[in-house]
Amino acid sequence: MSAADNRYDVVILGGGSGGYAAAFRATELGLSVALVEKDKVGGTCLHRGCIPTKALLHAGELADQAREGEQFGVQTTFNGIDMKGVNAYKDGVVSRLYRGLQGLFKAHKVALFEGTGRLVGPTTVEVDGKRVTGRHLILATGSYSKTLPGLEIDGERVITSEHALNLDHVPASAVVLGGGVIGCEFASAWKSFGVDVTIVEALPRLLPPEDEQSSKALERAFRKRGIPFKTGKPFEKVENTDAGVRVTIQGGEVLEAELLLVAVGRGPTTADLGYEEQGLRMDRGFVPTDERLRTNLPNVYAVGDIVPGLQLAHRGFQQGIFVVEDIAGLNPAVIDELGIPRITYTSPEVASVGLTEAQAKEKYGDQVKTLTYDLAGNGRSQILKTAGFVKLVSVADGPVVGVHMVGDRIGELIAEAMLIYGWEAFPTDVAQLIHPHPTQSEAIGEAHLALAGKPLHVHG
């Protein structure tokens, strides 16, 4: 293939986590690559998702520490939130990472086509009148913030997460519609900023996909923090008032606030991109693939949020690498969706990998064993004044098939949990590993020691 006539080995539509990972790995494998991006490379994660939201959450953590310094014998005072300063900090983090990513595009010699791309042939994309054709095409067009029928987003009183990231003031009050990851993270950050916030969730509990024990622990923590939530209460309507919005939920209960954050999930960005016209099989806007991420069209792959499953940046990133290695004939191992780690960066954090207890029981029946290690027995957690646990789900005389954790900073431990799950480790395998003291990672070691029949710092 010759780049001179816009023909490449690989053409990628979308420059988010999945798209740029595919581009970089492809050039490392000696393939010529063109990437089409309508906005900024880095996608939702870098510019409107993972990175800026975690910056807000960190700012909120510092606000809480300022309030709570006396607990540690430190005389701190909290004087308020300067949203201009918070936004400057947040935008600075994003800007530095964006500049670094732009440099990597140049270093990898990826041909970058800036503009809105549309599929006009089996593996041909048109962008601003130019056509780019590849031997292989990777679709990585990402996702957008969804809303509900009859619920109009105005960007001022009824907002999405994108609007919430750019608020120039701290709202006095807010209703968060949706108790999933996005809704809980914004509720946590806003409460730290001093917002009177209430979560409304149609399903019976917060973080519905997580293990029930983790959800209940987060709910207890939110109650303690003064974050009320209404679960099992579907949204009915929203009306504007002089002061903001009036939200009605099932049962006729009315909540009034300055604004309503709609956090009911993200939909696949696939409309009006020529997918259907080229015969691409679709399912409610998503692009179904086989386990090797191949679509129904020859030499056309899909990665990231448009593929049914977890909508996580690191999932798309790994899928992008997988696809180009498959194209290059390296025959990479199929990605285990259950082995993709999940973290909700609330206070406390919730992290997990593998099967929930309910899923394990459905699969293995009465062979399932669980063990919960309370962080009250962990020295580092006591120092940090955090509560929570490490819960193991295992098969009797078999491997650990799920790890579920709750606690401040606990998300940093999920990488080890992923290895335990991915390598099908038995409790005895992990029990002999040395976990440094004092760290929260000891909680993983202690949990496995207990499950292996030799509990140490475990009561009862």
Protein backbone atom coordinates (compact mmCIF):
# COMPACT_ATOMS: atom_id res chain seq x y z
CA MET A 1 0.00 0.00 0.00
CA SER A 2 1.17 3.50 -0.79
CA ALA A 3 0.50 6.41 1.53
CA ALA A 4 1.03 8.73 -1.46
CA ASP A 5 -2.43 7.94 -2.87
CA ASN A 6 -4.06 7.69 0.59
CA ARG A 7 -3.92 3.90 0.64
CA TYR A 8 -2.68 2.30 3.84
CA ASP A 9 -2.37 -1.05 5.53
CA VAL A 10 -4.69 0.12 8.31
CA VAL A 11 -7.22 2.95 8.41
CA ILE A 12 -8.68 3.83 11.82
CA LEU A 13 -11.85 5.87 12.28
CA GLY A 14 -11.62 7.51 15.71
CA GLY A 15 -8.64 8.66 17.79
CA GLY A 16 -9.68 7.77 21.33
CA SER A 17 -8.04 5.16 23.54
CA GLY A 18 -8.84 2.26 21.21
CA GLY A 19 -8.01 4.10 18.00
CA TYR A 20 -4.68 5.58 18.99
CA ALA A 21 -3.51 2.35 20.71
CA ALA A 22 -4.21 0.51 17.47
CA ALA A 23 -2.37 3.17 15.47
CA PHE A 24 0.77 3.11 17.60
CA ARG A 25 0.98 -0.68 17.80
CA ALA A 26 0.40 -0.98 14.05
CA THR A 27 3.32 1.31 13.22
CA GLU A 28 5.52 -0.64 15.63
CA LEU A 29 4.66 -3.72 13.58
CA GLY A 30 5.70 -2.00 10.35
CA LEU A 31 2.23 -1.25 9.04
CA SER A 32 1.30 2.03 7.36
CA VAL A 33 -1.47 3.76 9.29
CA ALA A 34 -3.98 6.56 8.73
CA LEU A 35 -6.19 7.76 11.56
CA VAL A 36 -9.27 9.96 11.12
CA GLU A 37 -10.42 12.08 14.08
CA LYS A 38 -13.11 14.78 14.05
CA ASP A 39 -12.07 16.41 17.34
CA LYS A 40 -8.91 15.93 19.37
CA VAL A 41 -6.90 12.73 19.60
CA GLY A 42 -7.32 11.17 23.01
CA GLY A 43 -11.09 11.09 22.71
CA THR A 44 -13.63 11.19 25.51
CA CYS A 45 -11.33 9.66 28.11
CA LEU A 46 -8.66 12.33 27.91
CA HIS A 47 -10.77 15.40 27.18
CA ARG A 48 -14.26 14.79 28.60
CA GLY A 49 -14.12 11.66 30.76
CA CYS A 50 -11.58 9.69 32.77
CA ILE A 51 -8.86 12.28 33.22
CA PRO A 52 -10.83 15.48 33.96
CA THR A 53 -13.32 13.71 36.24
CA LYS A 54 -10.52 12.16 38.30
CA ALA A 55 -8.90 15.59 38.56
CA LEU A 56 -12.17 16.93 40.00
CA LEU A 57 -12.35 14.02 42.41
CA HIS A 58 -8.79 14.68 43.58
CA ALA A 59 -9.61 18.34 44.15
CA GLY A 60 -12.60 17.17 46.19
CA GLU A 61 -10.39 14.83 48.19
CA LEU A 62 -8.11 17.76 49.09
CA ALA A 63 -11.15 19.79 50.16
CA ASP A 64 -12.22 16.97 52.48
CA GLN A 65 -8.70 16.69 53.88
CA ALA A 66 -8.70 20.41 54.62
CA ARG A 67 -11.95 20.01 56.54
CA GLU A 68 -10.74 16.95 58.41
CA GLY A 69 -7.16 17.90 59.27
CA GLU A 70 -7.95 18.08 62.98
CA GLN A 71 -8.51 14.29 63.00
CA PHE A 72 -4.80 13.93 62.28
CA GLY A 73 -3.63 16.68 64.60
CA VAL A 74 -3.13 19.10 61.70
CA GLN A 75 -4.71 22.54 62.00
CA THR A 76 -6.17 23.03 58.55
CA THR A 77 -9.10 25.18 57.51
CA PHE A 78 -11.40 24.97 54.53
CA ASN A 79 -12.21 28.34 52.99
CA GLY A 80 -14.15 27.25 49.91
CA ILE A 81 -13.79 26.09 46.32
CA ASP A 82 -12.37 28.33 43.59
CA MET A 83 -13.84 26.72 40.47
CA LYS A 84 -11.65 28.87 38.24
CA GLY A 85 -8.61 27.44 39.98
CA VAL A 86 -9.99 23.89 39.95
CA ASN A 87 -10.71 24.13 36.23
CA ALA A 88 -7.24 25.53 35.56
CA TYR A 89 -5.70 22.58 37.41
CA LYS A 90 -7.96 20.08 35.60
CA ASP A 91 -7.38 21.63 32.18
CA GLY A 92 -3.65 21.78 32.82
CA VAL A 93 -3.51 18.04 33.42
CA VAL A 94 -5.48 17.37 30.23
CA SER A 95 -3.37 19.83 28.22
CA ARG A 96 -0.06 18.26 29.25
CA LEU A 97 -1.27 14.76 28.44
CA TYR A 98 -2.69 15.96 25.11
CA ARG A 99 0.62 17.54 24.09
CA GLY A 100 2.39 14.31 24.97
CA LEU A 101 -0.06 12.30 22.88
CA GLN A 102 0.37 14.63 19.89
CA GLY A 103 4.11 14.08 20.14
CA LEU A 104 3.59 10.32 20.11
CA PHE A 105 1.54 10.59 16.90
CA LYS A 106 4.48 12.33 15.24
CA ALA A 107 7.00 9.87 16.66
CA HIS A 108 4.99 6.91 15.36
CA LYS A 109 4.55 8.58 11.96
CA VAL A 110 0.79 8.09 11.94
CA ALA A 111 -0.94 9.93 9.10
CA LEU A 112 -3.55 12.02 10.92
CA PHE A 113 -6.61 13.22 9.01
CA GLU A 114 -8.50 15.82 11.02
CA GLY A 115 -12.20 16.09 10.25
CA THR A 116 -15.43 14.11 10.35
CA GLY A 117 -14.97 10.76 8.65
CA ARG A 118 -17.68 8.73 6.98
CA LEU A 119 -17.58 5.21 5.59
CA VAL A 120 -18.04 5.35 1.80
CA GLY A 121 -16.67 1.94 0.84
CA PRO A 122 -15.97 -1.41 2.50
CA THR A 123 -12.67 -0.09 3.89
CA THR A 124 -12.72 3.50 2.64
CA VAL A 125 -13.32 6.61 4.75
CA GLU A 126 -14.07 10.04 3.35
CA VAL A 127 -13.02 13.06 5.41
CA ASP A 128 -13.50 16.63 4.16
CA GLY A 129 -13.60 15.48 0.54
CA LYS A 130 -10.51 13.25 0.83
CA ARG A 131 -10.76 9.48 0.62
CA VAL A 132 -8.56 7.17 2.65
CA THR A 133 -8.53 3.43 1.93
CA GLY A 134 -7.00 0.62 3.93
CA ARG A 135 -6.41 -3.07 3.52
CA HIS A 136 -8.00 -3.19 6.96
CA LEU A 137 -10.41 -0.80 8.67
CA ILE A 138 -10.79 -0.35 12.42
CA LEU A 139 -13.93 1.42 13.69
CA ALA A 140 -13.30 3.23 16.98
CA THR A 141 -15.85 6.05 17.03
CA GLY A 142 -16.53 6.02 20.76
CA SER A 143 -19.64 7.08 22.68
CA TYR A 144 -21.79 10.02 23.77
CA SER A 145 -23.80 10.89 26.89
CA LYS A 146 -27.28 9.42 26.62
CA THR A 147 -30.52 10.94 27.80
CA LEU A 148 -34.04 9.59 28.31
CA PRO A 149 -37.09 10.02 26.05
CA GLY A 150 -38.73 13.36 26.73
CA LEU A 151 -35.76 14.63 28.75
CA GLU A 152 -34.21 17.59 26.94
CA ILE A 153 -30.60 18.56 27.68
CA ASP A 154 -30.28 22.36 27.69
CA GLY A 155 -26.67 22.55 28.91
CA GLU A 156 -27.56 24.94 31.73
CA ARG A 157 -30.11 23.48 34.10
CA VAL A 158 -30.31 19.98 32.64
CA ILE A 159 -26.77 18.89 31.88
CA THR A 160 -24.58 15.93 30.98
CA SER A 161 -21.15 15.04 32.34
CA GLU A 162 -19.50 17.10 29.59
CA HIS A 163 -21.29 20.22 30.80
CA ALA A 164 -20.61 19.34 34.44
CA LEU A 165 -16.86 19.28 33.77
CA ASN A 166 -16.97 22.89 32.62
CA LEU A 167 -19.12 24.53 35.28
CA ASP A 168 -17.68 27.89 36.30
CA HIS A 169 -19.26 27.79 39.75
CA VAL A 170 -20.15 25.32 42.48
CA PRO A 171 -23.91 24.72 42.33
CA ALA A 172 -25.77 24.98 45.61
CA SER A 173 -27.68 21.78 44.91
CA ALA A 174 -28.00 19.06 42.28
CA VAL A 175 -29.98 15.97 41.45
CA VAL A 176 -27.94 13.26 39.75
CA LEU A 177 -30.05 11.01 37.52
CA GLY A 178 -28.24 7.69 37.43
CA GLY A 179 -26.45 5.76 40.17
CA GLY A 180 -23.85 4.11 37.98
CA VAL A 181 -20.16 4.97 37.79
CA ILE A 182 -20.54 8.45 36.26
CA GLY A 183 -23.39 9.50 38.52
CA CYS A 184 -21.73 8.26 41.71
CA GLU A 185 -18.39 9.86 40.84
CA PHE A 186 -19.93 13.29 40.22
CA ALA A 187 -22.06 12.99 43.35
CA SER A 188 -18.93 12.17 45.36
CA ALA A 189 -16.90 15.05 43.93
CA TRP A 190 -19.72 17.57 44.27
CA LYS A 191 -20.40 16.58 47.88
CA SER A 192 -16.72 17.25 48.62
CA PHE A 193 -17.17 20.67 47.01
CA GLY A 194 -20.12 21.38 49.31
CA VAL A 195 -23.00 20.68 46.93
CA ASP A 196 -26.31 19.40 48.36
CA VAL A 197 -26.59 16.41 46.03
CA THR A 198 -29.15 13.60 45.67
CA ILE A 199 -28.84 10.52 43.43
CA VAL A 200 -31.85 8.99 41.67
CA GLU A 201 -31.43 5.43 40.36
CA ALA A 202 -34.17 3.34 38.70
CA LEU A 203 -32.58 0.01 39.67
CA PRO A 204 -32.63 -1.35 43.23
CA ARG A 205 -29.09 -0.26 44.22
CA LEU A 206 -26.18 1.99 43.36
CA LEU A 207 -23.53 0.57 41.00
CA PRO A 208 -25.91 -2.19 39.84
CA PRO A 209 -23.28 -4.24 37.92
CA GLU A 210 -21.00 -4.54 40.96
CA ASP A 211 -21.13 -7.25 43.62
CA GLU A 212 -24.07 -6.51 45.92
CA GLN A 213 -21.80 -6.31 48.97
CA SER A 214 -19.76 -3.57 47.29
CA SER A 215 -22.88 -1.62 46.36
CA LYS A 216 -24.19 -1.80 49.92
CA ALA A 217 -20.83 -0.63 51.29
CA LEU A 218 -20.87 2.41 49.00
CA GLU A 219 -24.43 3.17 50.00
CA ARG A 220 -23.45 3.09 53.69
CA ALA A 221 -20.51 5.38 52.99
CA PHE A 222 -22.71 7.82 51.05
CA ARG A 223 -25.24 7.91 53.89
CA LYS A 224 -22.42 8.70 56.32
CA ARG A 225 -21.19 11.47 54.00
CA GLY A 226 -24.67 12.94 53.70
CA ILE A 227 -25.32 11.93 50.09
CA PRO A 228 -28.97 10.81 49.92
CA PHE A 229 -30.04 8.46 47.15
CA LYS A 230 -33.35 7.18 45.85
CA THR A 231 -33.01 3.65 44.45
CA GLY A 232 -35.74 1.74 42.65
CA LYS A 233 -37.24 5.10 41.68
CA PRO A 234 -37.46 5.73 37.92
CA PHE A 235 -37.44 9.32 36.68
CA GLU A 236 -40.78 10.72 35.52
CA LYS A 237 -40.33 14.37 34.56
CA VAL A 238 -38.34 17.56 35.05
CA GLU A 239 -39.64 21.12 35.06
CA ASN A 240 -37.83 24.45 35.18
CA THR A 241 -38.36 26.68 38.21
CA ASP A 242 -37.18 30.16 39.12
CA ALA A 243 -34.34 28.62 41.15
CA GLY A 244 -33.47 25.68 38.90
CA VAL A 245 -35.32 22.42 38.31
CA ARG A 246 -38.10 20.36 39.85
CA VAL A 247 -37.58 16.61 39.34
CA THR A 248 -40.45 14.16 39.79
CA ILE A 249 -39.67 10.49 40.39
CA GLN A 250 -41.85 7.40 40.63
CA GLY A 251 -44.38 7.67 43.41
CA GLY A 252 -44.83 11.39 42.90
CA GLU A 253 -41.87 12.42 45.05
CA VAL A 254 -40.48 15.81 44.00
CA LEU A 255 -36.86 16.93 44.31
CA GLU A 256 -35.84 20.55 43.72
CA ALA A 257 -32.30 21.64 42.91
CA GLU A 258 -30.23 24.14 40.96
CA LEU A 259 -29.48 21.64 38.23
CA LEU A 260 -30.08 18.08 37.05
CA LEU A 261 -27.13 15.98 35.91
CA VAL A 262 -28.22 13.28 33.48
CA ALA A 263 -25.88 10.32 33.96
CA VAL A 264 -27.86 7.42 32.52
CA GLY A 265 -25.01 5.87 30.58
CA ARG A 266 -23.31 6.35 27.23
CA GLY A 267 -24.52 5.40 23.79
CA PRO A 268 -22.40 4.29 20.81
CA THR A 269 -21.40 7.00 18.31
CA THR A 270 -22.35 5.22 15.10
CA ALA A 271 -25.21 7.23 13.57
CA ASP A 272 -24.79 8.91 10.17
CA LEU A 273 -21.30 7.51 9.63
CA GLY A 274 -22.21 5.30 6.66
CA TYR A 275 -22.05 2.06 8.63
CA GLU A 276 -25.45 0.70 7.61
CA GLU A 277 -25.02 1.82 4.00
CA GLN A 278 -21.96 -0.39 3.70
CA GLY A 279 -23.84 -3.37 5.13
CA LEU A 280 -22.35 -3.32 8.60
CA ARG A 281 -24.47 -5.33 11.00
CA MET A 282 -25.74 -3.19 13.88
CA ASP A 283 -27.57 -3.88 17.13
CA ARG A 284 -29.31 -0.88 18.77
CA GLY A 285 -26.51 1.36 17.54
CA PHE A 286 -23.70 -0.92 18.68
CA VAL A 287 -21.41 -2.87 16.34
CA PRO A 288 -21.46 -6.59 17.22
CA THR A 289 -18.21 -8.49 16.67
CA ASP A 290 -16.89 -11.99 17.16
CA GLU A 291 -14.38 -12.74 19.91
CA ARG A 292 -11.58 -11.52 17.67
CA LEU A 293 -13.38 -8.17 17.22
CA ARG A 294 -14.19 -8.83 13.56
CA THR A 295 -17.43 -7.38 12.20
CA ASN A 296 -19.58 -9.06 9.55
CA LEU A 297 -17.64 -7.16 6.84
CA PRO A 298 -14.33 -8.61 5.60
CA ASN A 299 -11.25 -6.85 7.04
CA VAL A 300 -13.38 -4.52 9.17
CA TYR A 301 -12.90 -4.55 12.95
CA ALA A 302 -14.51 -2.59 15.78
CA VAL A 303 -13.08 -1.63 19.19
CA GLY A 304 -14.03 0.39 22.25
CA ASP A 305 -17.37 1.79 23.32
CA ILE A 306 -19.19 0.89 20.09
CA VAL A 307 -18.67 -2.82 20.82
CA PRO A 308 -21.25 -4.24 23.28
CA GLY A 309 -19.75 -4.67 26.75
CA LEU A 310 -17.95 -2.55 29.32
CA GLN A 311 -17.36 1.02 28.17
CA LEU A 312 -13.91 1.56 29.66
CA ALA A 313 -10.88 3.30 28.19
CA HIS A 314 -8.51 0.49 29.10
CA ARG A 315 -10.81 -2.04 27.41
CA GLY A 316 -10.69 -0.06 24.16
CA PHE A 317 -6.94 0.41 24.54
CA GLN A 318 -6.34 -3.34 24.85
CA GLN A 319 -8.75 -4.10 22.04
CA GLY A 320 -6.88 -1.72 19.74
CA ILE A 321 -3.61 -3.51 20.42
CA PHE A 322 -5.26 -6.91 19.99
CA VAL A 323 -6.77 -6.07 16.60
CA VAL A 324 -3.57 -4.88 14.94
CA GLU A 325 -1.64 -7.83 16.33
CA ASP A 326 -4.33 -10.05 14.83
CA ILE A 327 -4.01 -8.21 11.51
CA ALA A 328 -0.24 -8.68 11.64
CA GLY A 329 -0.65 -12.44 12.10
CA LEU A 330 0.61 -12.60 15.69
CA ASN A 331 -2.46 -14.57 16.82
CA PRO A 332 -2.92 -12.80 20.18
CA ALA A 333 -4.96 -14.48 22.91
CA VAL A 334 -8.63 -13.51 22.98
CA ILE A 335 -9.42 -10.83 25.58
CA ASP A 336 -11.37 -12.14 28.57
CA GLU A 337 -14.05 -9.51 29.21
CA LEU A 338 -14.44 -10.65 32.82
CA GLY A 339 -10.73 -10.06 33.35
CA ILE A 340 -11.06 -6.33 32.60
CA PRO A 341 -10.65 -4.44 35.89
CA ARG A 342 -13.36 -1.98 36.95
CA ILE A 343 -12.93 1.02 39.26
CA THR A 344 -15.38 3.65 40.51
CA TYR A 345 -13.35 6.59 41.87
CA THR A 346 -15.79 7.67 44.56
CA SER A 347 -14.88 8.19 48.20
CA PRO A 348 -14.53 5.35 49.06
CA GLU A 349 -13.40 3.74 45.82
CA VAL A 350 -14.98 0.54 44.50
CA ALA A 351 -12.87 -1.85 42.43
CA SER A 352 -13.48 -5.31 41.03
CA VAL A 353 -12.46 -7.96 38.53
CA GLY A 354 -14.01 -11.27 37.56
CA LEU A 355 -17.32 -12.74 38.69
CA THR A 356 -19.60 -11.31 41.36
CA GLU A 357 -20.78 -13.73 44.05
CA ALA A 358 -24.18 -14.00 42.32
CA GLN A 359 -22.59 -14.70 38.93
CA ALA A 360 -20.26 -17.30 40.44
CA LYS A 361 -23.16 -19.10 42.13
CA GLU A 362 -25.06 -19.14 38.86
CA LYS A 363 -22.05 -20.73 37.16
CA TYR A 364 -20.63 -22.99 39.88
CA GLY A 365 -23.57 -23.56 42.23
CA ASP A 366 -22.76 -24.64 45.78
CA GLN A 367 -19.06 -24.95 44.95
CA VAL A 368 -18.62 -21.19 45.49
CA LYS A 369 -16.66 -20.00 48.52
CA THR A 370 -16.33 -16.37 49.59
CA LEU A 371 -14.20 -14.56 52.14
CA THR A 372 -14.37 -10.91 53.17
CA TYR A 373 -11.37 -9.29 54.86
CA ASP A 374 -12.26 -6.08 56.69
CA LEU A 375 -9.86 -3.17 56.20
CA ALA A 376 -10.20 -2.47 59.93
CA GLY A 377 -7.41 -5.03 60.34
CA ASN A 378 -5.11 -3.29 57.87
CA GLY A 379 -2.57 -0.85 59.31
CA ARG A 380 -2.30 1.40 56.27
CA SER A 381 -6.09 1.70 56.03
CA GLN A 382 -6.22 2.69 59.69
CA ILE A 383 -3.61 5.38 59.02
CA LEU A 384 -5.71 6.66 56.11
CA LYS A 385 -8.90 6.41 58.20
CA THR A 386 -10.70 4.46 55.52
CA ALA A 387 -13.23 1.66 55.91
CA GLY A 388 -13.97 -1.14 53.49
CA PHE A 389 -12.98 -4.66 52.59
CA VAL A 390 -11.40 -7.11 50.17
CA LYS A 391 -13.83 -9.85 49.14
CA LEU A 392 -12.70 -13.00 47.35
CA VAL A 393 -15.00 -15.23 45.34
CA SER A 394 -13.53 -18.67 44.67
CA VAL A 395 -14.41 -22.19 43.65
CA ALA A 396 -13.98 -24.88 46.31
CA ASP A 397 -10.56 -26.48 45.83
CA GLY A 398 -10.15 -24.23 42.81
CA PRO A 399 -9.12 -20.77 41.66
CA VAL A 400 -10.19 -17.30 42.72
CA VAL A 401 -12.78 -16.19 40.15
CA GLY A 402 -13.64 -12.73 41.49
CA VAL A 403 -12.08 -9.98 43.61
CA HIS A 404 -14.17 -7.08 44.96
CA MET A 405 -12.77 -4.20 47.01
CA VAL A 406 -14.05 -1.06 48.69
CA GLY A 407 -11.95 1.65 50.37
CA ASP A 408 -10.05 4.85 49.74
CA ARG A 409 -7.20 4.36 47.21
CA ILE A 410 -8.21 0.71 46.81
CA GLY A 411 -8.30 1.06 43.02
CA GLU A 412 -4.50 0.98 42.99
CA LEU A 413 -4.69 -2.69 44.08
CA ILE A 414 -6.84 -3.91 41.20
CA ALA A 415 -3.84 -4.74 38.98
CA GLU A 416 -2.75 -7.52 41.35
CA ALA A 417 -6.34 -8.71 41.58
CA MET A 418 -6.46 -8.87 37.77
CA LEU A 419 -3.35 -11.06 37.73
CA ILE A 420 -4.83 -13.35 40.37
CA TYR A 421 -7.99 -13.77 38.32
CA GLY A 422 -6.23 -13.95 34.95
CA TRP A 423 -3.73 -16.59 36.05
CA GLU A 424 -6.48 -18.62 37.76
CA ALA A 425 -4.52 -18.52 41.00
CA PHE A 426 -5.54 -20.69 43.92
CA PRO A 427 -5.73 -19.03 47.36
CA THR A 428 -2.62 -20.99 48.38
CA ASP A 429 -0.70 -19.54 45.42
CA VAL A 430 -1.33 -15.98 46.56
CA ALA A 431 -0.99 -16.72 50.28
CA GLN A 432 2.73 -17.37 49.85
CA LEU A 433 3.39 -14.03 48.13
CA ILE A 434 4.99 -11.33 50.26
CA HIS A 435 3.00 -8.10 50.53
CA PRO A 436 4.97 -5.13 51.90
CA HIS A 437 4.06 -3.64 55.28
CA PRO A 438 2.38 -1.31 55.90
CA THR A 439 0.39 -1.17 52.67
CA GLN A 440 -3.20 -1.74 51.73
CA SER A 441 -1.97 -4.52 49.45
CA GLU A 442 -1.56 -6.60 52.60
CA ALA A 443 -5.35 -6.86 52.67
CA ILE A 444 -5.17 -8.96 49.49
CA GLY A 445 -2.52 -11.18 51.08
CA GLU A 446 -4.45 -11.53 54.34
CA ALA A 447 -7.66 -12.41 52.50
CA HIS A 448 -5.92 -15.18 50.59
CA LEU A 449 -4.19 -16.44 53.73
CA ALA A 450 -7.59 -16.74 55.39
CA LEU A 451 -9.16 -18.44 52.36
CA ALA A 452 -6.19 -20.85 52.27
CA GLY A 453 -6.96 -21.88 55.84
CA LYS A 454 -4.27 -19.95 57.69
CA PRO A 455 -5.81 -16.66 58.81
CA LEU A 456 -3.61 -14.22 60.72
CA HIS A 457 -5.08 -10.75 61.19
CA VAL A 458 -8.65 -11.98 61.00
CA HIS A 459 -11.16 -11.93 63.86
CA GLY A 460 -13.94 -14.45 64.23
